Amino acid sequence: MKTPQEKRRHARVALFQEYLLELDGKHYKGFTGNISLGGAYLHNITPPLPQDKLTKTGRITLDLEGTTIRMSCQIVFIGTGEIPKLEGVGVAFLGTDPRVMKKLQDFLLKKI
């Protein structure tokens, strides 16, 4: 019996890091639940992100313990609370600068 293949290309690291999301001229903040080289899961998003923001693009700023990185991102998931523990927002990083990705990779490797 075949099992569904994992669609993620990058391993996720469970991290509670502060973020600021800029989307459509508004600011949202909170803490991540996990981060990978491909994106992040955002917990505690304040104010809550409306469902109509799904697929929108914005900018995310992550505080990585003394190093701040800023990247373009796309909203790929908005949890509604119908599934327990999935009330956050998933973002995919877009067109990231190789220098920024190196900083993120170095940070994640220290956390594994």
PDB file of N, CA and C in Angstrom:
ATOM      1  N   MET A   1       0.837  -1.182   0.000  1.00  0.00           N
ATOM      2  CA  MET A   1       0.000   0.000   0.000  1.00  0.00           C
ATOM      3  C   MET A   1       0.879   1.242   0.000  1.00  0.00           C
ATOM      4  N   LYS A   2       0.623   2.143  -0.925  1.00  0.00           N
ATOM      5  CA  LYS A   2       1.393   3.373  -1.009  1.00  0.00           C
ATOM      6  C   LYS A   2       0.923   4.370   0.038  1.00  0.00           C
ATOM      7  N   THR A   3       1.874   5.108   0.569  1.00  0.00           N
ATOM      8  CA  THR A   3       1.516   6.192   1.492  1.00  0.00           C
ATOM      9  C   THR A   3       1.701   7.512   0.760  1.00  0.00           C
ATOM     10  N   PRO A   4       0.909   8.516   1.110  1.00  0.00           N
ATOM     11  CA  PRO A   4       1.066   9.816   0.446  1.00  0.00           C
ATOM     12  C   PRO A   4       2.459  10.375   0.705  1.00  0.00           C
ATOM     13  N   GLN A   5       3.043  10.951  -0.309  1.00  0.00           N
ATOM     14  CA  GLN A   5       4.366  11.538  -0.156  1.00  0.00           C
ATOM     15  C   GLN A   5       4.267  12.881   0.545  1.00  0.00           C
ATOM     16  N   GLU A   6       5.255  13.160   1.372  1.00  0.00           N
ATOM     17  CA  GLU A   6       5.353  14.452   2.039  1.00  0.00           C
ATOM     18  C   GLU A   6       5.644  15.503   0.978  1.00  0.00           C
ATOM     19  N   LYS A   7       4.886  16.593   0.973  1.00  0.00           N
ATOM     20  CA  LYS A   7       5.062  17.638  -0.023  1.00  0.00           C
ATOM     21  C   LYS A   7       6.124  18.654   0.378  1.00  0.00           C
ATOM     22  N   ARG A   8       6.534  18.653   1.624  1.00  0.00           N
ATOM     23  CA  ARG A   8       7.531  19.623   2.091  1.00  0.00           C
ATOM     24  C   ARG A   8       8.913  19.236   1.581  1.00  0.00           C
ATOM     25  N   ARG A   9       9.649  20.248   1.150  1.00  0.00           N
ATOM     26  CA  ARG A   9      11.003  20.016   0.668  1.00  0.00           C
ATOM     27  C   ARG A   9      12.040  20.195   1.764  1.00  0.00           C
ATOM     28  N   HIS A  10      11.673  20.913   2.826  1.00  0.00           N
ATOM     29  CA  HIS A  10      12.632  21.257   3.873  1.00  0.00           C
ATOM     30  C   HIS A  10      12.144  20.764   5.230  1.00  0.00           C
ATOM     31  N   ALA A  11      13.078  20.315   6.031  1.00  0.00           N
ATOM     32  CA  ALA A  11      12.744  19.889   7.394  1.00  0.00           C
ATOM     33  C   ALA A  11      12.332  21.094   8.225  1.00  0.00           C
ATOM     34  N   ARG A  12      11.342  20.876   9.083  1.00  0.00           N
ATOM     35  CA  ARG A  12      10.871  21.934   9.979  1.00  0.00           C
ATOM     36  C   ARG A  12      11.550  21.797  11.329  1.00  0.00           C
ATOM     37  N   VAL A  13      11.841  22.954  11.931  1.00  0.00           N
ATOM     38  CA  VAL A  13      12.431  22.987  13.259  1.00  0.00           C
ATOM     39  C   VAL A  13      11.441  23.710  14.167  1.00  0.00           C
ATOM     40  N   ALA A  14      11.028  23.056  15.239  1.00  0.00           N
ATOM     41  CA  ALA A  14      10.092  23.677  16.180  1.00  0.00           C
ATOM     42  C   ALA A  14      10.804  24.818  16.901  1.00  0.00           C
ATOM     43  N   LEU A  15      10.341  26.030  16.657  1.00  0.00           N
ATOM     44  CA  LEU A  15      10.970  27.214  17.242  1.00  0.00           C
ATOM     45  C   LEU A  15       9.919  28.242  17.627  1.00  0.00           C
ATOM     46  N   PHE A  16      10.099  28.839  18.771  1.00  0.00           N
ATOM     47  CA  PHE A  16       9.224  29.874  19.288  1.00  0.00           C
ATOM     48  C   PHE A  16       9.964  31.198  19.106  1.00  0.00           C
ATOM     49  N   GLN A  17       9.887  31.765  17.883  1.00  0.00           N
ATOM     50  CA  GLN A  17      10.597  33.003  17.557  1.00  0.00           C
ATOM     51  C   GLN A  17       9.588  34.094  17.221  1.00  0.00           C
ATOM     52  N   GLU A  18       9.912  35.303  17.602  1.00  0.00           N
ATOM     53  CA  GLU A  18       9.044  36.442  17.331  1.00  0.00           C
ATOM     54  C   GLU A  18       9.048  36.775  15.838  1.00  0.00           C
ATOM     55  N   TYR A  19       7.882  37.195  15.315  1.00  0.00           N
ATOM     56  CA  TYR A  19       7.784  37.622  13.923  1.00  0.00           C
ATOM     57  C   TYR A  19       6.881  38.844  13.804  1.00  0.00           C
ATOM     58  N   LEU A  20       7.045  39.536  12.688  1.00  0.00           N
ATOM     59  CA  LEU A  20       6.153  40.623  12.291  1.00  0.00           C
ATOM     60  C   LEU A  20       5.796  40.360  10.835  1.00  0.00           C
ATOM     61  N   LEU A  21       4.519  40.278  10.533  1.00  0.00           N
ATOM     62  CA  LEU A  21       4.037  40.037   9.177  1.00  0.00           C
ATOM     63  C   LEU A  21       3.379  41.309   8.670  1.00  0.00           C
ATOM     64  N   GLU A  22       3.824  41.797   7.518  1.00  0.00           N
ATOM     65  CA  GLU A  22       3.229  42.967   6.875  1.00  0.00           C
ATOM     66  C   GLU A  22       2.454  42.475   5.667  1.00  0.00           C
ATOM     67  N   LEU A  23       1.156  42.775   5.641  1.00  0.00           N
ATOM     68  CA  LEU A  23       0.288  42.262   4.589  1.00  0.00           C
ATOM     69  C   LEU A  23      -0.803  43.287   4.295  1.00  0.00           C
ATOM     70  N   ASP A  24      -0.889  43.718   3.057  1.00  0.00           N
ATOM     71  CA  ASP A  24      -1.909  44.683   2.637  1.00  0.00           C
ATOM     72  C   ASP A  24      -1.928  45.930   3.519  1.00  0.00           C
ATOM     73  N   GLY A  25      -0.745  46.422   3.886  1.00  0.00           N
ATOM     74  CA  GLY A  25      -0.650  47.648   4.673  1.00  0.00           C
ATOM     75  C   GLY A  25      -0.955  47.484   6.155  1.00  0.00           C
ATOM     76  N   LYS A  26      -1.172  46.261   6.612  1.00  0.00           N
ATOM     77  CA  LYS A  26      -1.439  46.011   8.030  1.00  0.00           C
ATOM     78  C   LYS A  26      -0.308  45.180   8.621  1.00  0.00           C
ATOM     79  N   HIS A  27      -0.167  45.268   9.931  1.00  0.00           N
ATOM     80  CA  HIS A  27       0.876  44.524  10.638  1.00  0.00           C
ATOM     81  C   HIS A  27       0.250  43.489  11.553  1.00  0.00           C
ATOM     82  N   TYR A  28       0.832  42.287  11.530  1.00  0.00           N
ATOM     83  CA  TYR A  28       0.408  41.174  12.365  1.00  0.00           C
ATOM     84  C   TYR A  28       1.648  40.673  13.098  1.00  0.00           C
ATOM     85  N   LYS A  29       1.492  40.260  14.339  1.00  0.00           N
ATOM     86  CA  LYS A  29       2.659  39.791  15.080  1.00  0.00           C
ATOM     87  C   LYS A  29       2.309  38.577  15.924  1.00  0.00           C
ATOM     88  N   GLY A  30       3.341  37.923  16.412  1.00  0.00           N
ATOM     89  CA  GLY A  30       3.168  36.748  17.255  1.00  0.00           C
ATOM     90  C   GLY A  30       4.462  35.969  17.327  1.00  0.00           C
ATOM     91  N   PHE A  31       4.324  34.640  17.496  1.00  0.00           N
ATOM     92  CA  PHE A  31       5.481  33.759  17.603  1.00  0.00           C
ATOM     93  C   PHE A  31       5.308  32.583  16.656  1.00  0.00           C
ATOM     94  N   THR A  32       6.421  32.119  16.109  1.00  0.00           N
ATOM     95  CA  THR A  32       6.375  30.968  15.212  1.00  0.00           C
ATOM     96  C   THR A  32       6.165  29.681  16.015  1.00  0.00           C
ATOM     97  N   GLY A  33       5.649  28.675  15.337  1.00  0.00           N
ATOM     98  CA  GLY A  33       5.568  27.334  15.901  1.00  0.00           C
ATOM     99  C   GLY A  33       6.683  26.478  15.343  1.00  0.00           C
ATOM    100  N   ASN A  34       6.996  26.705  14.048  1.00  0.00           N
ATOM    101  CA  ASN A  34       8.127  26.035  13.419  1.00  0.00           C
ATOM    102  C   ASN A  34       8.583  26.864  12.232  1.00  0.00           C
ATOM    103  N   ILE A  35       9.827  26.632  11.846  1.00  0.00           N
ATOM    104  CA  ILE A  35      10.437  27.344  10.715  1.00  0.00           C
ATOM    105  C   ILE A  35      11.224  26.333   9.901  1.00  0.00           C
ATOM    106  N   SER A  36      11.207  26.499   8.585  1.00  0.00           N
ATOM    107  CA  SER A  36      12.067  25.715   7.702  1.00  0.00           C
ATOM    108  C   SER A  36      12.672  26.682   6.692  1.00  0.00           C
ATOM    109  N   LEU A  37      13.489  26.171   5.799  1.00  0.00           N
ATOM    110  CA  LEU A  37      14.030  27.029   4.740  1.00  0.00           C
ATOM    111  C   LEU A  37      12.949  27.412   3.736  1.00  0.00           C
ATOM    112  N   GLY A  38      11.821  26.723   3.766  1.00  0.00           N
ATOM    113  CA  GLY A  38      10.742  26.999   2.820  1.00  0.00           C
ATOM    114  C   GLY A  38       9.625  27.866   3.359  1.00  0.00           C
ATOM    115  N   GLY A  39       9.533  27.998   4.683  1.00  0.00           N
ATOM    116  CA  GLY A  39       8.444  28.788   5.236  1.00  0.00           C
ATOM    117  C   GLY A  39       8.360  28.660   6.744  1.00  0.00           C
ATOM    118  N   ALA A  40       7.226  29.102   7.287  1.00  0.00           N
ATOM    119  CA  ALA A  40       7.040  29.078   8.739  1.00  0.00           C
ATOM    120  C   ALA A  40       5.567  28.900   9.071  1.00  0.00           C
ATOM    121  N   TYR A  41       5.331  28.389  10.274  1.00  0.00           N
ATOM    122  CA  TYR A  41       3.981  28.295  10.824  1.00  0.00           C
ATOM    123  C   TYR A  41       3.887  29.337  11.919  1.00  0.00           C
ATOM    124  N   LEU A  42       2.922  30.232  11.797  1.00  0.00           N
ATOM    125  CA  LEU A  42       2.786  31.357  12.706  1.00  0.00           C
ATOM    126  C   LEU A  42       1.659  31.118  13.704  1.00  0.00           C
ATOM    127  N   HIS A  43       2.023  31.057  14.981  1.00  0.00           N
ATOM    128  CA  HIS A  43       1.047  30.927  16.067  1.00  0.00           C
ATOM    129  C   HIS A  43       0.694  32.318  16.572  1.00  0.00           C
ATOM    130  N   ASN A  44      -0.334  32.390  17.356  1.00  0.00           N
ATOM    131  CA  ASN A  44      -0.674  33.606  18.103  1.00  0.00           C
ATOM    132  C   ASN A  44      -0.705  34.850  17.224  1.00  0.00           C
ATOM    133  N   ILE A  45      -1.233  34.757  16.032  1.00  0.00           N
ATOM    134  CA  ILE A  45      -1.218  35.910  15.134  1.00  0.00           C
ATOM    135  C   ILE A  45      -2.223  36.960  15.627  1.00  0.00           C
ATOM    136  N   THR A  46      -1.709  38.172  15.826  1.00  0.00           N
ATOM    137  CA  THR A  46      -2.512  39.259  16.356  1.00  0.00           C
ATOM    138  C   THR A  46      -2.384  40.461  15.436  1.00  0.00           C
ATOM    139  N   PRO A  47      -3.508  40.995  14.954  1.00  0.00           N
ATOM    140  CA  PRO A  47      -4.863  40.471  15.085  1.00  0.00           C
ATOM    141  C   PRO A  47      -5.028  39.218  14.220  1.00  0.00           C
ATOM    142  N   PRO A  48      -6.117  38.460  14.423  1.00  0.00           N
ATOM    143  CA  PRO A  48      -6.342  37.267  13.604  1.00  0.00           C
ATOM    144  C   PRO A  48      -6.370  37.608  12.116  1.00  0.00           C
ATOM    145  N   LEU A  49      -5.847  36.715  11.306  1.00  0.00           N
ATOM    146  CA  LEU A  49      -5.784  36.933   9.862  1.00  0.00           C
ATOM    147  C   LEU A  49      -7.071  36.439   9.221  1.00  0.00           C
ATOM    148  N   PRO A  50      -7.790  37.316   8.491  1.00  0.00           N
ATOM    149  CA  PRO A  50      -9.039  36.903   7.836  1.00  0.00           C
ATOM    150  C   PRO A  50      -8.791  35.876   6.727  1.00  0.00           C
ATOM    151  N   GLN A  51      -9.749  35.009   6.488  1.00  0.00           N
ATOM    152  CA  GLN A  51      -9.640  33.964   5.463  1.00  0.00           C
ATOM    153  C   GLN A  51      -9.390  34.528   4.066  1.00  0.00           C
ATOM    154  N   ASP A  52      -9.828  35.749   3.798  1.00  0.00           N
ATOM    155  CA  ASP A  52      -9.645  36.305   2.450  1.00  0.00           C
ATOM    156  C   ASP A  52      -8.191  36.675   2.151  1.00  0.00           C
ATOM    157  N   LYS A  53      -7.294  36.501   3.114  1.00  0.00           N
ATOM    158  CA  LYS A  53      -5.869  36.793   2.903  1.00  0.00           C
ATOM    159  C   LYS A  53      -5.110  35.580   2.364  1.00  0.00           C
ATOM    160  N   LEU A  54      -5.795  34.433   2.264  1.00  0.00           N
ATOM    161  CA  LEU A  54      -5.161  33.234   1.726  1.00  0.00           C
ATOM    162  C   LEU A  54      -4.650  33.521   0.317  1.00  0.00           C
ATOM    163  N   THR A  55      -3.454  33.148   0.014  1.00  0.00           N
ATOM    164  CA  THR A  55      -2.696  33.328  -1.238  1.00  0.00           C
ATOM    165  C   THR A  55      -2.124  34.747  -1.411  1.00  0.00           C
ATOM    166  N   LYS A  56      -2.384  35.642  -0.493  1.00  0.00           N
ATOM    167  CA  LYS A  56      -1.819  36.999  -0.583  1.00  0.00           C
ATOM    168  C   LYS A  56      -0.323  36.939  -0.289  1.00  0.00           C
ATOM    169  N   THR A  57       0.413  37.905  -0.801  1.00  0.00           N
ATOM    170  CA  THR A  57       1.840  38.005  -0.521  1.00  0.00           C
ATOM    171  C   THR A  57       2.115  39.218   0.355  1.00  0.00           C
ATOM    172  N   GLY A  58       3.152  39.088   1.160  1.00  0.00           N
ATOM    173  CA  GLY A  58       3.546  40.158   2.062  1.00  0.00           C
ATOM    174  C   GLY A  58       5.012  40.024   2.417  1.00  0.00           C
ATOM    175  N   ARG A  59       5.390  40.616   3.553  1.00  0.00           N
ATOM    176  CA  ARG A  59       6.775  40.554   4.037  1.00  0.00           C
ATOM    177  C   ARG A  59       6.759  40.073   5.477  1.00  0.00           C
ATOM    178  N   ILE A  60       7.685  39.186   5.796  1.00  0.00           N
ATOM    179  CA  ILE A  60       7.812  38.710   7.168  1.00  0.00           C
ATOM    180  C   ILE A  60       9.198  39.076   7.696  1.00  0.00           C
ATOM    181  N   THR A  61       9.215  39.536   8.925  1.00  0.00           N
ATOM    182  CA  THR A  61      10.456  39.838   9.620  1.00  0.00           C
ATOM    183  C   THR A  61      10.562  38.868  10.784  1.00  0.00           C
ATOM    184  N   LEU A  62      11.685  38.169  10.860  1.00  0.00           N
ATOM    185  CA  LEU A  62      11.930  37.194  11.925  1.00  0.00           C
ATOM    186  C   LEU A  62      13.104  37.654  12.773  1.00  0.00           C
ATOM    187  N   ASP A  63      12.934  37.607  14.072  1.00  0.00           N
ATOM    188  CA  ASP A  63      14.009  37.901  15.014  1.00  0.00           C
ATOM    189  C   ASP A  63      14.662  36.583  15.381  1.00  0.00           C
ATOM    190  N   LEU A  64      15.878  36.376  14.914  1.00  0.00           N
ATOM    191  CA  LEU A  64      16.588  35.117  15.128  1.00  0.00           C
ATOM    192  C   LEU A  64      17.688  35.296  16.166  1.00  0.00           C
ATOM    193  N   GLU A  65      17.276  35.683  17.363  1.00  0.00           N
ATOM    194  CA  GLU A  65      18.210  35.825  18.483  1.00  0.00           C
ATOM    195  C   GLU A  65      19.397  36.718  18.135  1.00  0.00           C
ATOM    196  N   GLY A  66      19.121  37.956  17.810  1.00  0.00           N
ATOM    197  CA  GLY A  66      20.170  38.923  17.518  1.00  0.00           C
ATOM    198  C   GLY A  66      20.366  39.199  16.043  1.00  0.00           C
ATOM    199  N   THR A  67      19.857  38.348  15.193  1.00  0.00           N
ATOM    200  CA  THR A  67      19.903  38.559  13.750  1.00  0.00           C
ATOM    201  C   THR A  67      18.470  38.698  13.259  1.00  0.00           C
ATOM    202  N   THR A  68      18.200  39.784  12.563  1.00  0.00           N
ATOM    203  CA  THR A  68      16.863  40.002  12.018  1.00  0.00           C
ATOM    204  C   THR A  68      16.916  39.778  10.520  1.00  0.00           C
ATOM    205  N   ILE A  69      15.977  38.969  10.016  1.00  0.00           N
ATOM    206  CA  ILE A  69      15.892  38.757   8.575  1.00  0.00           C
ATOM    207  C   ILE A  69      14.494  39.141   8.110  1.00  0.00           C
ATOM    208  N   ARG A  70      14.427  39.600   6.865  1.00  0.00           N
ATOM    209  CA  ARG A  70      13.156  40.029   6.279  1.00  0.00           C
ATOM    210  C   ARG A  70      13.034  39.390   4.904  1.00  0.00           C
ATOM    211  N   MET A  71      11.862  38.772   4.649  1.00  0.00           N
ATOM    212  CA  MET A  71      11.657  38.059   3.394  1.00  0.00           C
ATOM    213  C   MET A  71      10.241  38.262   2.877  1.00  0.00           C
ATOM    214  N   SER A  72      10.094  38.132   1.570  1.00  0.00           N
ATOM    215  CA  SER A  72       8.756  38.083   0.985  1.00  0.00           C
ATOM    216  C   SER A  72       8.156  36.726   1.304  1.00  0.00           C
ATOM    217  N   CYS A  73       6.840  36.689   1.451  1.00  0.00           N
ATOM    218  CA  CYS A  73       6.187  35.421   1.747  1.00  0.00           C
ATOM    219  C   CYS A  73       4.771  35.415   1.175  1.00  0.00           C
ATOM    220  N   GLN A  74       4.214  34.219   1.077  1.00  0.00           N
ATOM    221  CA  GLN A  74       2.842  34.031   0.615  1.00  0.00           C
ATOM    222  C   GLN A  74       2.082  33.240   1.666  1.00  0.00           C
ATOM    223  N   ILE A  75       0.849  33.645   1.929  1.00  0.00           N
ATOM    224  CA  ILE A  75      -0.002  32.936   2.877  1.00  0.00           C
ATOM    225  C   ILE A  75      -0.490  31.667   2.174  1.00  0.00           C
ATOM    226  N   VAL A  76      -0.173  30.510   2.754  1.00  0.00           N
ATOM    227  CA  VAL A  76      -0.550  29.230   2.135  1.00  0.00           C
ATOM    228  C   VAL A  76      -1.543  28.437   2.986  1.00  0.00           C
ATOM    229  N   PHE A  77      -1.751  28.881   4.229  1.00  0.00           N
ATOM    230  CA  PHE A  77      -2.690  28.184   5.107  1.00  0.00           C
ATOM    231  C   PHE A  77      -3.189  29.157   6.165  1.00  0.00           C
ATOM    232  N   ILE A  78      -4.494  29.132   6.413  1.00  0.00           N
ATOM    233  CA  ILE A  78      -5.069  29.887   7.528  1.00  0.00           C
ATOM    234  C   ILE A  78      -5.963  28.926   8.293  1.00  0.00           C
ATOM    235  N   GLY A  79      -5.550  28.570   9.499  1.00  0.00           N
ATOM    236  CA  GLY A  79      -6.324  27.657  10.329  1.00  0.00           C
ATOM    237  C   GLY A  79      -7.574  28.329  10.870  1.00  0.00           C
ATOM    238  N   THR A  80      -8.644  27.596  10.910  1.00  0.00           N
ATOM    239  CA  THR A  80      -9.920  28.147  11.379  1.00  0.00           C
ATOM    240  C   THR A  80     -10.272  27.666  12.772  1.00  0.00           C
ATOM    241  N   GLY A  81      -9.469  26.778  13.319  1.00  0.00           N
ATOM    242  CA  GLY A  81      -9.776  26.216  14.628  1.00  0.00           C
ATOM    243  C   GLY A  81     -10.638  24.971  14.544  1.00  0.00           C
ATOM    244  N   GLU A  82     -11.073  24.603  13.331  1.00  0.00           N
ATOM    245  CA  GLU A  82     -11.877  23.390  13.167  1.00  0.00           C
ATOM    246  C   GLU A  82     -11.049  22.144  13.461  1.00  0.00           C
ATOM    247  N   ILE A  83      -9.746  22.226  13.187  1.00  0.00           N
ATOM    248  CA  ILE A  83      -8.827  21.139  13.510  1.00  0.00           C
ATOM    249  C   ILE A  83      -8.034  21.591  14.731  1.00  0.00           C
ATOM    250  N   PRO A  84      -8.135  20.869  15.845  1.00  0.00           N
ATOM    251  CA  PRO A  84      -7.418  21.278  17.053  1.00  0.00           C
ATOM    252  C   PRO A  84      -5.934  21.518  16.798  1.00  0.00           C
ATOM    253  N   LYS A  85      -5.411  22.531  17.395  1.00  0.00           N
ATOM    254  CA  LYS A  85      -3.997  22.916  17.321  1.00  0.00           C
ATOM    255  C   LYS A  85      -3.590  23.453  15.951  1.00  0.00           C
ATOM    256  N   LEU A  86      -4.511  23.637  15.026  1.00  0.00           N
ATOM    257  CA  LEU A  86      -4.179  24.229  13.733  1.00  0.00           C
ATOM    258  C   LEU A  86      -4.962  25.527  13.564  1.00  0.00           C
ATOM    259  N   GLU A  87      -4.645  26.473  14.407  1.00  0.00           N
ATOM    260  CA  GLU A  87      -5.322  27.761  14.363  1.00  0.00           C
ATOM    261  C   GLU A  87      -4.394  28.859  13.873  1.00  0.00           C
ATOM    262  N   GLY A  88      -3.208  28.500  13.445  1.00  0.00           N
ATOM    263  CA  GLY A  88      -2.228  29.482  13.009  1.00  0.00           C
ATOM    264  C   GLY A  88      -2.283  29.734  11.514  1.00  0.00           C
ATOM    265  N   VAL A  89      -1.195  30.306  11.028  1.00  0.00           N
ATOM    266  CA  VAL A  89      -1.076  30.690   9.621  1.00  0.00           C
ATOM    267  C   VAL A  89       0.216  30.105   9.068  1.00  0.00           C
ATOM    268  N   GLY A  90       0.139  29.493   7.889  1.00  0.00           N
ATOM    269  CA  GLY A  90       1.319  28.979   7.215  1.00  0.00           C
ATOM    270  C   GLY A  90       1.766  29.940   6.134  1.00  0.00           C
ATOM    271  N   VAL A  91       3.056  30.240   6.102  1.00  0.00           N
ATOM    272  CA  VAL A  91       3.601  31.100   5.054  1.00  0.00           C
ATOM    273  C   VAL A  91       4.723  30.368   4.331  1.00  0.00           C
ATOM    274  N   ALA A  92       4.808  30.599   3.032  1.00  0.00           N
ATOM    275  CA  ALA A  92       5.915  30.088   2.214  1.00  0.00           C
ATOM    276  C   ALA A  92       6.808  31.267   1.872  1.00  0.00           C
ATOM    277  N   PHE A  93       8.116  31.101   2.048  1.00  0.00           N
ATOM    278  CA  PHE A  93       9.056  32.153   1.698  1.00  0.00           C
ATOM    279  C   PHE A  93       9.202  32.223   0.183  1.00  0.00           C
ATOM    280  N   LEU A  94       9.263  33.439  -0.353  1.00  0.00           N
ATOM    281  CA  LEU A  94       9.339  33.649  -1.801  1.00  0.00           C
ATOM    282  C   LEU A  94      10.609  34.385  -2.195  1.00  0.00           C
ATOM    283  N   GLY A  95      11.214  33.982  -3.292  1.00  0.00           N
ATOM    284  CA  GLY A  95      12.317  34.711  -3.914  1.00  0.00           C
ATOM    285  C   GLY A  95      13.334  35.272  -2.939  1.00  0.00           C
ATOM    286  N   THR A  96      13.782  34.440  -2.039  1.00  0.00           N
ATOM    287  CA  THR A  96      14.653  34.935  -0.988  1.00  0.00           C
ATOM    288  C   THR A  96      16.084  35.121  -1.460  1.00  0.00           C
ATOM    289  N   ASP A  97      16.709  36.144  -0.938  1.00  0.00           N
ATOM    290  CA  ASP A  97      18.101  36.475  -1.203  1.00  0.00           C
ATOM    291  C   ASP A  97      18.987  35.355  -0.643  1.00  0.00           C
ATOM    292  N   PRO A  98      19.971  34.871  -1.398  1.00  0.00           N
ATOM    293  CA  PRO A  98      20.840  33.791  -0.906  1.00  0.00           C
ATOM    294  C   PRO A  98      21.535  34.133   0.413  1.00  0.00           C
ATOM    295  N   ARG A  99      21.876  35.398   0.638  1.00  0.00           N
ATOM    296  CA  ARG A  99      22.528  35.797   1.896  1.00  0.00           C
ATOM    297  C   ARG A  99      21.566  35.648   3.074  1.00  0.00           C
ATOM    298  N   VAL A 100      20.300  35.998   2.837  1.00  0.00           N
ATOM    299  CA  VAL A 100      19.279  35.861   3.880  1.00  0.00           C
ATOM    300  C   VAL A 100      19.052  34.385   4.176  1.00  0.00           C
ATOM    301  N   MET A 101      18.980  33.566   3.128  1.00  0.00           N
ATOM    302  CA  MET A 101      18.777  32.136   3.313  1.00  0.00           C
ATOM    303  C   MET A 101      19.951  31.504   4.067  1.00  0.00           C
ATOM    304  N   LYS A 102      21.154  31.972   3.817  1.00  0.00           N
ATOM    305  CA  LYS A 102      22.327  31.463   4.537  1.00  0.00           C
ATOM    306  C   LYS A 102      22.214  31.785   6.020  1.00  0.00           C
ATOM    307  N   LYS A 103      21.773  32.991   6.356  1.00  0.00           N
ATOM    308  CA  LYS A 103      21.584  33.359   7.761  1.00  0.00           C
ATOM    309  C   LYS A 103      20.530  32.463   8.409  1.00  0.00           C
ATOM    310  N   LEU A 104      19.440  32.231   7.688  1.00  0.00           N
ATOM    311  CA  LEU A 104      18.379  31.381   8.215  1.00  0.00           C
ATOM    312  C   LEU A 104      18.880  29.946   8.379  1.00  0.00           C
ATOM    313  N   GLN A 105      19.579  29.440   7.385  1.00  0.00           N
ATOM    314  CA  GLN A 105      20.104  28.077   7.454  1.00  0.00           C
ATOM    315  C   GLN A 105      21.063  27.917   8.629  1.00  0.00           C
ATOM    316  N   ASP A 106      21.976  28.854   8.798  1.00  0.00           N
ATOM    317  CA  ASP A 106      22.932  28.789   9.906  1.00  0.00           C
ATOM    318  C   ASP A 106      22.203  28.783  11.254  1.00  0.00           C
ATOM    319  N   PHE A 107      21.172  29.620  11.368  1.00  0.00           N
ATOM    320  CA  PHE A 107      20.394  29.684  12.602  1.00  0.00           C
ATOM    321  C   PHE A 107      19.681  28.360  12.870  1.00  0.00           C
ATOM    322  N   LEU A 108      19.039  27.807  11.850  1.00  0.00           N
ATOM    323  CA  LEU A 108      18.309  26.550  12.018  1.00  0.00           C
ATOM    324  C   LEU A 108      19.239  25.394  12.374  1.00  0.00           C
ATOM    325  N   LEU A 109      20.414  25.356  11.765  1.00  0.00           N
ATOM    326  CA  LEU A 109      21.372  24.290  12.057  1.00  0.00           C
ATOM    327  C   LEU A 109      21.826  24.324  13.522  1.00  0.00           C
ATOM    328  N   LYS A 110      21.912  25.506  14.099  1.00  0.00           N
ATOM    329  CA  LYS A 110      22.276  25.617  15.512  1.00  0.00           C
ATOM    330  C   LYS A 110      21.183  25.088  16.427  1.00  0.00           C
ATOM    331  N   LYS A 111      19.933  25.054  15.932  1.00  0.00           N
ATOM    332  CA  LYS A 111      18.791  24.667  16.748  1.00  0.00           C
ATOM    333  C   LYS A 111      18.442  23.188  16.648  1.00  0.00           C
ATOM    334  N   ILE A 112      19.074  22.488  15.716  1.00  0.00           N
ATOM    335  CA  ILE A 112      18.762  21.063  15.544  1.00  0.00           C
ATOM    336  C   ILE A 112      19.433  20.245  16.622  1.00  0.00           C
TER     337      ILE A 112
END
